[in-house]
Amino acid sequence: MTRDSRLDLPQRPRRLRRTPLVRDLVAETDLRLRHLVQGHFVLPGADRAEDIATMPGIQRLTVDRLVRRAGEDLARGVRSLMLFGVPEDKDGEASGAVDPDGEVPRAVRALKAEFGDELVVMVDVCLCPYTDHGHCGFVEDGEVVNDPSVARLAEMAEVLAAAGADFVCPSDMMDGRVGAIRAALDRRGFTSTGILAYTAKYASAFYGPFRDAAGSAPGFGDRKSYQMDPRNRREALRELRLDLDEGADLVMVKPALAYLDVIADVAAESDVPVVAYNVSGEYSMVKTAAREGLADERAMTLEVLGAIRRAGADLIITYHAAQAAAEGWLDR
């Protein structure tokens, strides 16, 4: 074959890849800062920031530091965040979860007072950071019990709604908790508070850095009796139907990268926006690869987040959002 030979090809897909402008023109998926939700860990006290060794670049922050950081991120285009509590005191009743003066309700009030509707504030609703055994519900005779746990989760959601949260986000995977929370909020007049349901939350090996950050690892056993089995795909659609019937405004798949097929399934069936959680283990793998010189951090991060969007996620909860904004990786 000579260099001047030509194939008779009526279809040449490379024509649509020829220049950056053409590639942008025909791109099937977009990724912008508005699609990202930054996760934050809230400490009690004041004027403190603690590095998280297993999550490079992420810190636990007291409310005053959090408000400052959220303002910096907002100015750069990160318009949504998710809060997780890191309480000092824990007990078997998860009392801290329903304390209106706890670090997370205080953070919500401070953020909404400072930024109002310019910032969307989402709050995790789960008992695991507040229980002395680290499980996501009450434990009786060594078993995580469903219905009493749901009652406490609904109380927690009420406290967070009263503080001003835009979305309460039950992550516990107890049966019936979305309906119970919706009913509790509506009884209190919080009809405008949305529910982001952790619809398909898998019992995953990718949560390790988060549990270190939040101090929420289970003290015994595991969470396989309530979180989903990673071997299951169709089950996610059953959970989706239940959450939609119970009043979920947004639905989530967690984790993201190992569950792109599930994200696609849920996106195809859901009539509400779909959220994916790019979890701590996924984040820390990228950070480790970049630190070891094994990957270009920006390129890998954008490929990961782009893949999650391509699978069908409308929004992505991720620890990469603030850096992506600060370093100009994405448009707003």
C-alpha atoms as a PDB file:
ATOM      1  CA  MET A   1       0.000   0.000   0.000  1.00  0.00           C
ATOM      2  CA  THR A   2       1.288   3.453  -0.919  1.00  0.00           C
ATOM      3  CA  ARG A   3       0.756   6.682   0.972  1.00  0.00           C
ATOM      4  CA  ASP A   4      -1.416   8.139  -1.786  1.00  0.00           C
ATOM      5  CA  SER A   5      -3.826   5.184  -1.871  1.00  0.00           C
ATOM      6  CA  ARG A   6      -7.444   5.977  -0.975  1.00  0.00           C
ATOM      7  CA  LEU A   7     -10.174   3.747   0.374  1.00  0.00           C
ATOM      8  CA  ASP A   8     -13.661   4.052  -1.055  1.00  0.00           C
ATOM      9  CA  LEU A   9     -15.465   4.787   2.230  1.00  0.00           C
ATOM     10  CA  PRO A  10     -18.873   6.493   2.257  1.00  0.00           C
ATOM     11  CA  GLN A  11     -18.737   6.633   6.075  1.00  0.00           C
ATOM     12  CA  ARG A  12     -15.726   8.144   7.830  1.00  0.00           C
ATOM     13  CA  PRO A  13     -16.502   8.661  11.557  1.00  0.00           C
ATOM     14  CA  ARG A  14     -13.180  10.468  11.994  1.00  0.00           C
ATOM     15  CA  ARG A  15     -14.639  13.452  10.139  1.00  0.00           C
ATOM     16  CA  LEU A  16     -16.537  14.264  13.341  1.00  0.00           C
ATOM     17  CA  ARG A  17     -13.377  14.014  15.452  1.00  0.00           C
ATOM     18  CA  ARG A  18     -11.143  16.180  13.289  1.00  0.00           C
ATOM     19  CA  THR A  19     -10.794  19.337  15.427  1.00  0.00           C
ATOM     20  CA  PRO A  20     -11.624  20.344  19.011  1.00  0.00           C
ATOM     21  CA  LEU A  21     -14.428  22.606  17.754  1.00  0.00           C
ATOM     22  CA  VAL A  22     -16.026  19.818  15.719  1.00  0.00           C
ATOM     23  CA  ARG A  23     -15.726  17.428  18.657  1.00  0.00           C
ATOM     24  CA  ASP A  24     -17.443  19.953  20.905  1.00  0.00           C
ATOM     25  CA  LEU A  25     -20.107  20.554  18.285  1.00  0.00           C
ATOM     26  CA  VAL A  26     -21.192  16.907  18.179  1.00  0.00           C
ATOM     27  CA  ALA A  27     -20.476  15.877  21.805  1.00  0.00           C
ATOM     28  CA  GLU A  28     -23.280  13.725  23.173  1.00  0.00           C
ATOM     29  CA  THR A  29     -22.608  14.465  26.852  1.00  0.00           C
ATOM     30  CA  ASP A  30     -21.741  17.694  28.614  1.00  0.00           C
ATOM     31  CA  LEU A  31     -20.160  18.126  32.035  1.00  0.00           C
ATOM     32  CA  ARG A  32     -20.322  21.427  33.871  1.00  0.00           C
ATOM     33  CA  LEU A  33     -19.915  22.672  37.427  1.00  0.00           C
ATOM     34  CA  ARG A  34     -23.684  22.950  37.753  1.00  0.00           C
ATOM     35  CA  HIS A  35     -23.870  19.147  37.550  1.00  0.00           C
ATOM     36  CA  LEU A  36     -21.635  18.699  40.619  1.00  0.00           C
ATOM     37  CA  VAL A  37     -22.408  18.650  44.352  1.00  0.00           C
ATOM     38  CA  GLN A  38     -19.440  19.023  46.728  1.00  0.00           C
ATOM     39  CA  GLY A  39     -19.388  16.827  49.835  1.00  0.00           C
ATOM     40  CA  HIS A  40     -18.396  18.337  53.201  1.00  0.00           C
ATOM     41  CA  PHE A  41     -17.788  16.915  56.687  1.00  0.00           C
ATOM     42  CA  VAL A  42     -18.935  19.147  59.563  1.00  0.00           C
ATOM     43  CA  LEU A  43     -17.071  19.265  62.877  1.00  0.00           C
ATOM     44  CA  PRO A  44     -18.377  20.598  66.198  1.00  0.00           C
ATOM     45  CA  GLY A  45     -16.637  23.619  67.701  1.00  0.00           C
ATOM     46  CA  ALA A  46     -15.172  26.651  65.990  1.00  0.00           C
ATOM     47  CA  ASP A  47     -12.232  27.673  63.802  1.00  0.00           C
ATOM     48  CA  ARG A  48     -11.004  24.151  63.137  1.00  0.00           C
ATOM     49  CA  ALA A  49     -10.036  22.275  59.998  1.00  0.00           C
ATOM     50  CA  GLU A  50      -8.736  18.706  60.019  1.00  0.00           C
ATOM     51  CA  ASP A  51      -7.076  17.025  57.071  1.00  0.00           C
ATOM     52  CA  ILE A  52      -8.415  13.578  56.160  1.00  0.00           C
ATOM     53  CA  ALA A  53      -5.435  11.344  55.473  1.00  0.00           C
ATOM     54  CA  THR A  54      -7.387   8.895  53.329  1.00  0.00           C
ATOM     55  CA  MET A  55      -9.023  11.660  51.252  1.00  0.00           C
ATOM     56  CA  PRO A  56      -6.245  14.022  50.091  1.00  0.00           C
ATOM     57  CA  GLY A  57      -7.458  17.590  49.642  1.00  0.00           C
ATOM     58  CA  ILE A  58     -10.589  17.141  51.791  1.00  0.00           C
ATOM     59  CA  GLN A  59     -10.955  18.473  55.327  1.00  0.00           C
ATOM     60  CA  ARG A  60     -13.392  18.222  58.183  1.00  0.00           C
ATOM     61  CA  LEU A  61     -14.548  21.786  58.919  1.00  0.00           C
ATOM     62  CA  THR A  62     -16.303  23.591  61.722  1.00  0.00           C
ATOM     63  CA  VAL A  63     -19.343  25.661  60.763  1.00  0.00           C
ATOM     64  CA  ASP A  64     -17.468  28.963  60.476  1.00  0.00           C
ATOM     65  CA  ARG A  65     -14.771  27.428  58.273  1.00  0.00           C
ATOM     66  CA  LEU A  66     -17.431  25.642  56.208  1.00  0.00           C
ATOM     67  CA  VAL A  67     -19.301  28.865  55.479  1.00  0.00           C
ATOM     68  CA  ARG A  68     -16.078  30.490  54.338  1.00  0.00           C
ATOM     69  CA  ARG A  69     -15.172  27.523  52.122  1.00  0.00           C
ATOM     70  CA  ALA A  70     -18.678  27.299  50.659  1.00  0.00           C
ATOM     71  CA  GLY A  71     -18.518  30.997  49.763  1.00  0.00           C
ATOM     72  CA  GLU A  72     -15.218  30.519  47.950  1.00  0.00           C
ATOM     73  CA  ASP A  73     -16.593  27.546  46.032  1.00  0.00           C
ATOM     74  CA  LEU A  74     -19.830  29.358  45.197  1.00  0.00           C
ATOM     75  CA  ALA A  75     -17.902  32.286  43.739  1.00  0.00           C
ATOM     76  CA  ARG A  76     -16.153  29.794  41.450  1.00  0.00           C
ATOM     77  CA  GLY A  77     -19.380  28.105  40.350  1.00  0.00           C
ATOM     78  CA  VAL A  78     -20.084  25.248  42.803  1.00  0.00           C
ATOM     79  CA  ARG A  79     -23.708  25.911  43.650  1.00  0.00           C
ATOM     80  CA  SER A  80     -24.643  22.770  45.621  1.00  0.00           C
ATOM     81  CA  LEU A  81     -23.196  20.891  48.576  1.00  0.00           C
ATOM     82  CA  MET A  82     -23.937  17.847  50.732  1.00  0.00           C
ATOM     83  CA  LEU A  83     -23.278  17.838  54.478  1.00  0.00           C
ATOM     84  CA  PHE A  84     -22.211  14.941  56.711  1.00  0.00           C
ATOM     85  CA  GLY A  85     -21.895  15.254  60.474  1.00  0.00           C
ATOM     86  CA  VAL A  86     -18.860  14.241  62.522  1.00  0.00           C
ATOM     87  CA  PRO A  87     -20.220  14.371  66.092  1.00  0.00           C
ATOM     88  CA  GLU A  88     -18.118  13.891  69.193  1.00  0.00           C
ATOM     89  CA  ASP A  89     -20.853  12.212  71.261  1.00  0.00           C
ATOM     90  CA  LYS A  90     -22.576   8.992  70.187  1.00  0.00           C
ATOM     91  CA  ASP A  91     -25.043   6.652  71.839  1.00  0.00           C
ATOM     92  CA  GLY A  92     -27.327   3.742  71.067  1.00  0.00           C
ATOM     93  CA  GLU A  93     -30.296   6.042  70.430  1.00  0.00           C
ATOM     94  CA  ALA A  94     -28.518   8.317  67.939  1.00  0.00           C
ATOM     95  CA  SER A  95     -29.555  11.269  70.107  1.00  0.00           C
ATOM     96  CA  GLY A  96     -27.230  13.636  68.297  1.00  0.00           C
ATOM     97  CA  ALA A  97     -29.074  13.038  65.050  1.00  0.00           C
ATOM     98  CA  VAL A  98     -32.131  14.891  66.367  1.00  0.00           C
ATOM     99  CA  ASP A  99     -30.365  17.666  68.265  1.00  0.00           C
ATOM    100  CA  PRO A 100     -31.403  20.990  66.676  1.00  0.00           C
ATOM    101  CA  ASP A 101     -28.192  22.522  68.044  1.00  0.00           C
ATOM    102  CA  GLY A 102     -25.965  19.848  66.544  1.00  0.00           C
ATOM    103  CA  GLU A 103     -23.199  20.740  64.133  1.00  0.00           C
ATOM    104  CA  VAL A 104     -25.173  19.927  60.975  1.00  0.00           C
ATOM    105  CA  PRO A 105     -28.373  21.890  61.755  1.00  0.00           C
ATOM    106  CA  ARG A 106     -26.178  24.818  62.805  1.00  0.00           C
ATOM    107  CA  ALA A 107     -24.282  24.527  59.542  1.00  0.00           C
ATOM    108  CA  VAL A 108     -27.510  24.528  57.540  1.00  0.00           C
ATOM    109  CA  ARG A 109     -28.789  27.633  59.317  1.00  0.00           C
ATOM    110  CA  ALA A 110     -25.479  29.431  58.838  1.00  0.00           C
ATOM    111  CA  LEU A 111     -25.234  28.554  55.147  1.00  0.00           C
ATOM    112  CA  LYS A 112     -28.797  29.578  54.377  1.00  0.00           C
ATOM    113  CA  ALA A 113     -28.415  32.799  56.373  1.00  0.00           C
ATOM    114  CA  GLU A 114     -25.298  33.679  54.403  1.00  0.00           C
ATOM    115  CA  PHE A 115     -26.249  32.518  50.912  1.00  0.00           C
ATOM    116  CA  GLY A 116     -30.018  31.978  50.862  1.00  0.00           C
ATOM    117  CA  ASP A 117     -31.264  30.413  47.655  1.00  0.00           C
ATOM    118  CA  GLU A 118     -27.950  31.044  45.874  1.00  0.00           C
ATOM    119  CA  LEU A 119     -26.694  27.775  47.391  1.00  0.00           C
ATOM    120  CA  VAL A 120     -28.477  24.411  47.393  1.00  0.00           C
ATOM    121  CA  VAL A 121     -27.910  22.680  50.733  1.00  0.00           C
ATOM    122  CA  MET A 122     -28.400  18.910  50.854  1.00  0.00           C
ATOM    123  CA  VAL A 123     -27.987  16.967  54.090  1.00  0.00           C
ATOM    124  CA  ASP A 124     -27.329  13.297  54.659  1.00  0.00           C
ATOM    125  CA  VAL A 125     -29.976  11.602  56.810  1.00  0.00           C
ATOM    126  CA  CYS A 126     -28.537   8.531  58.496  1.00  0.00           C
ATOM    127  CA  LEU A 127     -27.931   7.348  62.043  1.00  0.00           C
ATOM    128  CA  CYS A 128     -24.497   5.749  61.559  1.00  0.00           C
ATOM    129  CA  PRO A 129     -22.403   8.818  62.512  1.00  0.00           C
ATOM    130  CA  TYR A 130     -24.466   9.205  65.687  1.00  0.00           C
ATOM    131  CA  THR A 131     -24.725   5.621  66.976  1.00  0.00           C
ATOM    132  CA  ASP A 132     -22.092   4.119  69.238  1.00  0.00           C
ATOM    133  CA  HIS A 133     -22.226   0.898  67.210  1.00  0.00           C
ATOM    134  CA  GLY A 134     -21.879   2.593  63.802  1.00  0.00           C
ATOM    135  CA  HIS A 135     -24.897   1.008  62.144  1.00  0.00           C
ATOM    136  CA  CYS A 136     -27.474   2.958  60.150  1.00  0.00           C
ATOM    137  CA  GLY A 137     -30.369   2.034  62.430  1.00  0.00           C
ATOM    138  CA  PHE A 138     -31.210   0.848  65.926  1.00  0.00           C
ATOM    139  CA  VAL A 139     -29.830  -2.514  67.022  1.00  0.00           C
ATOM    140  CA  GLU A 140     -31.893  -5.030  68.979  1.00  0.00           C
ATOM    141  CA  ASP A 141     -30.504  -8.469  69.863  1.00  0.00           C
ATOM    142  CA  GLY A 142     -27.702  -7.984  67.376  1.00  0.00           C
ATOM    143  CA  GLU A 143     -30.040  -7.107  64.479  1.00  0.00           C
ATOM    144  CA  VAL A 144     -30.546  -3.747  62.805  1.00  0.00           C
ATOM    145  CA  VAL A 145     -34.305  -3.212  63.132  1.00  0.00           C
ATOM    146  CA  ASN A 146     -36.242  -1.382  60.453  1.00  0.00           C
ATOM    147  CA  ASP A 147     -39.352   0.356  61.750  1.00  0.00           C
ATOM    148  CA  PRO A 148     -38.007   1.999  64.939  1.00  0.00           C
ATOM    149  CA  SER A 149     -35.030   3.206  62.892  1.00  0.00           C
ATOM    150  CA  VAL A 150     -37.355   4.782  60.327  1.00  0.00           C
ATOM    151  CA  ALA A 151     -39.132   6.723  63.063  1.00  0.00           C
ATOM    152  CA  ARG A 152     -35.827   8.220  64.225  1.00  0.00           C
ATOM    153  CA  LEU A 153     -34.768   9.009  60.643  1.00  0.00           C
ATOM    154  CA  ALA A 154     -38.024  10.917  60.130  1.00  0.00           C
ATOM    155  CA  GLU A 155     -37.317  12.930  63.297  1.00  0.00           C
ATOM    156  CA  MET A 156     -33.828  13.704  62.018  1.00  0.00           C
ATOM    157  CA  ALA A 157     -35.229  14.864  58.684  1.00  0.00           C
ATOM    158  CA  GLU A 158     -37.668  17.184  60.483  1.00  0.00           C
ATOM    159  CA  VAL A 159     -34.815  18.812  62.427  1.00  0.00           C
ATOM    160  CA  LEU A 160     -32.838  19.390  59.232  1.00  0.00           C
ATOM    161  CA  ALA A 161     -35.860  20.726  57.351  1.00  0.00           C
ATOM    162  CA  ALA A 162     -36.566  23.124  60.208  1.00  0.00           C
ATOM    163  CA  ALA A 163     -32.957  24.349  59.932  1.00  0.00           C
ATOM    164  CA  GLY A 164     -33.566  25.188  56.265  1.00  0.00           C
ATOM    165  CA  ALA A 165     -32.156  22.270  54.265  1.00  0.00           C
ATOM    166  CA  ASP A 166     -33.244  22.264  50.638  1.00  0.00           C
ATOM    167  CA  PHE A 167     -33.028  18.463  50.414  1.00  0.00           C
ATOM    168  CA  VAL A 168     -32.927  15.796  53.095  1.00  0.00           C
ATOM    169  CA  CYS A 169     -31.167  12.680  51.831  1.00  0.00           C
ATOM    170  CA  PRO A 170     -31.903   9.355  53.556  1.00  0.00           C
ATOM    171  CA  SER A 171     -28.932   7.046  53.019  1.00  0.00           C
ATOM    172  CA  ASP A 172     -29.812   4.278  55.460  1.00  0.00           C
ATOM    173  CA  MET A 173     -31.621   1.873  53.091  1.00  0.00           C
ATOM    174  CA  MET A 174     -34.351   1.065  55.613  1.00  0.00           C
ATOM    175  CA  ASP A 175     -37.642   0.001  54.026  1.00  0.00           C
ATOM    176  CA  GLY A 176     -40.314   2.715  53.942  1.00  0.00           C
ATOM    177  CA  ARG A 177     -38.178   5.591  55.107  1.00  0.00           C
ATOM    178  CA  VAL A 178     -38.918   7.896  52.160  1.00  0.00           C
ATOM    179  CA  GLY A 179     -42.662   7.695  52.757  1.00  0.00           C
ATOM    180  CA  ALA A 180     -42.268   8.178  56.502  1.00  0.00           C
ATOM    181  CA  ILE A 181     -40.041  11.216  56.001  1.00  0.00           C
ATOM    182  CA  ARG A 182     -42.396  12.744  53.435  1.00  0.00           C
ATOM    183  CA  ALA A 183     -45.351  12.306  55.770  1.00  0.00           C
ATOM    184  CA  ALA A 184     -43.437  13.771  58.725  1.00  0.00           C
ATOM    185  CA  LEU A 185     -42.260  16.787  56.747  1.00  0.00           C
ATOM    186  CA  ASP A 186     -45.699  17.481  55.357  1.00  0.00           C
ATOM    187  CA  ARG A 187     -47.284  17.273  58.816  1.00  0.00           C
ATOM    188  CA  ARG A 188     -44.858  19.955  59.988  1.00  0.00           C
ATOM    189  CA  GLY A 189     -45.540  22.149  56.969  1.00  0.00           C
ATOM    190  CA  PHE A 190     -42.204  21.490  55.251  1.00  0.00           C
ATOM    191  CA  THR A 191     -43.870  20.725  51.950  1.00  0.00           C
ATOM    192  CA  SER A 192     -41.161  22.530  49.969  1.00  0.00           C
ATOM    193  CA  THR A 193     -38.307  20.473  51.421  1.00  0.00           C
ATOM    194  CA  GLY A 194     -37.201  17.923  48.848  1.00  0.00           C
ATOM    195  CA  ILE A 195     -36.141  14.320  49.394  1.00  0.00           C
ATOM    196  CA  LEU A 196     -33.111  12.899  47.635  1.00  0.00           C
ATOM    197  CA  ALA A 197     -33.398   9.162  48.212  1.00  0.00           C
ATOM    198  CA  TYR A 198     -30.351   6.927  48.236  1.00  0.00           C
ATOM    199  CA  THR A 199     -32.374   4.534  46.109  1.00  0.00           C
ATOM    200  CA  ALA A 200     -29.766   1.954  45.129  1.00  0.00           C
ATOM    201  CA  LYS A 201     -27.036   2.077  47.755  1.00  0.00           C
ATOM    202  CA  TYR A 202     -24.828  -0.955  47.512  1.00  0.00           C
ATOM    203  CA  ALA A 203     -22.864  -2.706  50.278  1.00  0.00           C
ATOM    204  CA  SER A 204     -19.649  -1.590  48.642  1.00  0.00           C
ATOM    205  CA  ALA A 205     -15.926  -1.839  49.315  1.00  0.00           C
ATOM    206  CA  PHE A 206     -15.527   1.750  48.032  1.00  0.00           C
ATOM    207  CA  TYR A 207     -16.702   3.469  51.237  1.00  0.00           C
ATOM    208  CA  GLY A 208     -13.563   3.040  53.362  1.00  0.00           C
ATOM    209  CA  PRO A 209     -12.193   6.608  53.218  1.00  0.00           C
ATOM    210  CA  PHE A 210     -15.637   8.061  53.994  1.00  0.00           C
ATOM    211  CA  ARG A 211     -16.005   5.886  57.068  1.00  0.00           C
ATOM    212  CA  ASP A 212     -12.609   7.107  58.198  1.00  0.00           C
ATOM    213  CA  ALA A 213     -13.625  10.729  57.564  1.00  0.00           C
ATOM    214  CA  ALA A 214     -16.974  10.471  59.320  1.00  0.00           C
ATOM    215  CA  GLY A 215     -16.006   7.949  61.995  1.00  0.00           C
ATOM    216  CA  SER A 216     -18.957   5.816  60.920  1.00  0.00           C
ATOM    217  CA  ALA A 217     -17.563   2.315  60.414  1.00  0.00           C
ATOM    218  CA  PRO A 218     -19.806  -0.363  61.955  1.00  0.00           C
ATOM    219  CA  GLY A 219     -18.537  -1.611  65.291  1.00  0.00           C
ATOM    220  CA  PHE A 220     -19.567  -5.165  64.504  1.00  0.00           C
ATOM    221  CA  GLY A 221     -20.662  -7.129  61.469  1.00  0.00           C
ATOM    222  CA  ASP A 222     -21.409  -5.353  58.204  1.00  0.00           C
ATOM    223  CA  ARG A 223     -24.266  -3.561  56.432  1.00  0.00           C
ATOM    224  CA  LYS A 224     -25.224  -6.294  54.007  1.00  0.00           C
ATOM    225  CA  SER A 225     -28.605  -6.907  55.662  1.00  0.00           C
ATOM    226  CA  TYR A 226     -29.839  -3.471  54.580  1.00  0.00           C
ATOM    227  CA  GLN A 227     -27.570  -2.149  51.813  1.00  0.00           C
ATOM    228  CA  MET A 228     -27.938  -3.768  48.388  1.00  0.00           C
ATOM    229  CA  ASP A 229     -26.013  -6.798  47.179  1.00  0.00           C
ATOM    230  CA  PRO A 230     -23.449  -5.762  44.515  1.00  0.00           C
ATOM    231  CA  ARG A 231     -24.458  -8.806  42.464  1.00  0.00           C
ATOM    232  CA  ASN A 232     -27.956  -7.424  41.866  1.00  0.00           C
ATOM    233  CA  ARG A 233     -29.110  -5.142  39.071  1.00  0.00           C
ATOM    234  CA  ARG A 234     -32.878  -5.587  38.665  1.00  0.00           C
ATOM    235  CA  GLU A 235     -33.386  -5.013  42.384  1.00  0.00           C
ATOM    236  CA  ALA A 236     -32.425  -1.381  41.890  1.00  0.00           C
ATOM    237  CA  LEU A 237     -35.540  -0.855  39.768  1.00  0.00           C
ATOM    238  CA  ARG A 238     -37.707  -2.303  42.512  1.00  0.00           C
ATOM    239  CA  GLU A 239     -36.186   0.165  44.955  1.00  0.00           C
ATOM    240  CA  LEU A 240     -36.723   2.928  42.401  1.00  0.00           C
ATOM    241  CA  ARG A 241     -40.443   2.182  42.077  1.00  0.00           C
ATOM    242  CA  LEU A 242     -40.860   2.141  45.846  1.00  0.00           C
ATOM    243  CA  ASP A 243     -39.029   5.442  46.375  1.00  0.00           C
ATOM    244  CA  LEU A 244     -40.990   7.168  43.621  1.00  0.00           C
ATOM    245  CA  ASP A 245     -44.275   5.884  45.029  1.00  0.00           C
ATOM    246  CA  GLU A 246     -43.265   7.159  48.476  1.00  0.00           C
ATOM    247  CA  GLY A 247     -42.521  10.672  47.225  1.00  0.00           C
ATOM    248  CA  ALA A 248     -38.818  10.938  46.350  1.00  0.00           C
ATOM    249  CA  ASP A 249     -37.977  14.094  44.389  1.00  0.00           C
ATOM    250  CA  LEU A 250     -34.516  12.879  43.351  1.00  0.00           C
ATOM    251  CA  VAL A 251     -33.122   9.343  43.305  1.00  0.00           C
ATOM    252  CA  MET A 252     -29.544   8.153  43.695  1.00  0.00           C
ATOM    253  CA  VAL A 253     -27.245   5.302  42.745  1.00  0.00           C
ATOM    254  CA  LYS A 254     -24.225   4.795  45.016  1.00  0.00           C
ATOM    255  CA  PRO A 255     -21.364   4.104  44.238  1.00  0.00           C
ATOM    256  CA  ALA A 256     -21.037   5.280  40.653  1.00  0.00           C
ATOM    257  CA  LEU A 257     -18.133   3.774  38.725  1.00  0.00           C
ATOM    258  CA  ALA A 258     -18.793   0.100  39.398  1.00  0.00           C
ATOM    259  CA  TYR A 259     -22.535   0.670  38.868  1.00  0.00           C
ATOM    260  CA  LEU A 260     -22.739   2.570  35.585  1.00  0.00           C
ATOM    261  CA  ASP A 261     -25.129  -0.100  34.299  1.00  0.00           C
ATOM    262  CA  VAL A 262     -27.443   0.554  37.240  1.00  0.00           C
ATOM    263  CA  ILE A 263     -27.277   4.326  36.678  1.00  0.00           C
ATOM    264  CA  ALA A 264     -28.297   3.733  33.052  1.00  0.00           C
ATOM    265  CA  ASP A 265     -31.168   1.449  34.099  1.00  0.00           C
ATOM    266  CA  VAL A 266     -32.464   3.918  36.687  1.00  0.00           C
ATOM    267  CA  ALA A 267     -32.145   6.865  34.289  1.00  0.00           C
ATOM    268  CA  ALA A 268     -34.166   4.978  31.675  1.00  0.00           C
ATOM    269  CA  GLU A 269     -36.998   4.297  34.135  1.00  0.00           C
ATOM    270  CA  SER A 270     -37.047   7.342  36.410  1.00  0.00           C
ATOM    271  CA  ASP A 271     -39.303  10.330  35.833  1.00  0.00           C
ATOM    272  CA  VAL A 272     -37.359  12.406  38.377  1.00  0.00           C
ATOM    273  CA  PRO A 273     -33.703  13.516  38.144  1.00  0.00           C
ATOM    274  CA  VAL A 274     -31.075  10.866  38.809  1.00  0.00           C
ATOM    275  CA  VAL A 275     -28.085  11.505  41.069  1.00  0.00           C
ATOM    276  CA  ALA A 276     -24.929   9.393  41.238  1.00  0.00           C
ATOM    277  CA  TYR A 277     -22.488   9.434  44.131  1.00  0.00           C
ATOM    278  CA  ASN A 278     -18.840   9.418  43.078  1.00  0.00           C
ATOM    279  CA  VAL A 279     -17.810   8.008  46.441  1.00  0.00           C
ATOM    280  CA  SER A 280     -14.735   8.409  48.616  1.00  0.00           C
ATOM    281  CA  GLY A 281     -12.965   5.270  47.410  1.00  0.00           C
ATOM    282  CA  GLU A 282     -13.374   6.346  43.797  1.00  0.00           C
ATOM    283  CA  TYR A 283     -12.074   9.816  44.653  1.00  0.00           C
ATOM    284  CA  SER A 284      -9.074   8.509  46.587  1.00  0.00           C
ATOM    285  CA  MET A 285      -8.087   6.078  43.828  1.00  0.00           C
ATOM    286  CA  VAL A 286      -7.750   8.996  41.412  1.00  0.00           C
ATOM    287  CA  LYS A 287      -5.785  10.996  43.979  1.00  0.00           C
ATOM    288  CA  THR A 288      -3.448   8.076  44.657  1.00  0.00           C
ATOM    289  CA  ALA A 289      -2.864   7.396  40.966  1.00  0.00           C
ATOM    290  CA  ALA A 290      -2.047  11.081  40.406  1.00  0.00           C
ATOM    291  CA  ARG A 291       0.268  11.247  43.420  1.00  0.00           C
ATOM    292  CA  GLU A 292       2.182   8.185  42.215  1.00  0.00           C
ATOM    293  CA  GLY A 293       2.573   9.654  38.745  1.00  0.00           C
ATOM    294  CA  LEU A 294       0.373   6.995  37.196  1.00  0.00           C
ATOM    295  CA  ALA A 295      -2.214   9.356  35.703  1.00  0.00           C
ATOM    296  CA  ASP A 296      -2.991  12.943  34.767  1.00  0.00           C
ATOM    297  CA  GLU A 297      -5.336  13.955  37.603  1.00  0.00           C
ATOM    298  CA  ARG A 298      -7.383  16.453  35.609  1.00  0.00           C
ATOM    299  CA  ALA A 299      -7.824  14.135  32.636  1.00  0.00           C
ATOM    300  CA  MET A 300      -8.739  11.142  34.798  1.00  0.00           C
ATOM    301  CA  THR A 301     -11.169  13.122  36.956  1.00  0.00           C
ATOM    302  CA  LEU A 302     -12.994  14.553  33.966  1.00  0.00           C
ATOM    303  CA  GLU A 303     -13.133  11.129  32.311  1.00  0.00           C
ATOM    304  CA  VAL A 304     -14.611   9.591  35.456  1.00  0.00           C
ATOM    305  CA  LEU A 305     -17.204  12.331  35.928  1.00  0.00           C
ATOM    306  CA  GLY A 306     -17.984  12.359  32.207  1.00  0.00           C
ATOM    307  CA  ALA A 307     -18.603   8.613  32.249  1.00  0.00           C
ATOM    308  CA  ILE A 308     -21.057   9.007  35.119  1.00  0.00           C
ATOM    309  CA  ARG A 309     -22.906  11.713  33.198  1.00  0.00           C
ATOM    310  CA  ARG A 310     -22.847   9.598  30.029  1.00  0.00           C
ATOM    311  CA  ALA A 311     -24.435   6.713  31.933  1.00  0.00           C
ATOM    312  CA  GLY A 312     -27.410   8.958  32.696  1.00  0.00           C
ATOM    313  CA  ALA A 313     -26.744  10.884  35.905  1.00  0.00           C
ATOM    314  CA  ASP A 314     -28.240  14.376  36.004  1.00  0.00           C
ATOM    315  CA  LEU A 315     -26.190  15.323  39.073  1.00  0.00           C
ATOM    316  CA  ILE A 316     -23.038  13.928  40.655  1.00  0.00           C
ATOM    317  CA  ILE A 317     -22.107  14.149  44.318  1.00  0.00           C
ATOM    318  CA  THR A 318     -18.317  14.244  44.306  1.00  0.00           C
ATOM    319  CA  TYR A 319     -15.331  15.419  46.315  1.00  0.00           C
ATOM    320  CA  HIS A 320     -13.703  16.660  43.095  1.00  0.00           C
ATOM    321  CA  ALA A 321     -16.103  19.603  42.593  1.00  0.00           C
ATOM    322  CA  ALA A 322     -14.232  22.293  44.530  1.00  0.00           C
ATOM    323  CA  GLN A 323     -10.896  21.498  42.889  1.00  0.00           C
ATOM    324  CA  ALA A 324     -12.482  21.348  39.432  1.00  0.00           C
ATOM    325  CA  ALA A 325     -13.834  24.857  40.024  1.00  0.00           C
ATOM    326  CA  ALA A 326     -10.688  26.286  41.653  1.00  0.00           C
ATOM    327  CA  GLU A 327      -8.419  25.027  38.867  1.00  0.00           C
ATOM    328  CA  GLY A 328     -10.746  25.926  36.002  1.00  0.00           C
ATOM    329  CA  TRP A 329     -11.328  22.389  34.773  1.00  0.00           C
ATOM    330  CA  LEU A 330     -14.985  22.985  33.924  1.00  0.00           C
ATOM    331  CA  ASP A 331     -17.298  25.750  32.800  1.00  0.00           C
ATOM    332  CA  ARG A 332     -20.256  26.679  34.929  1.00  0.00           C
END
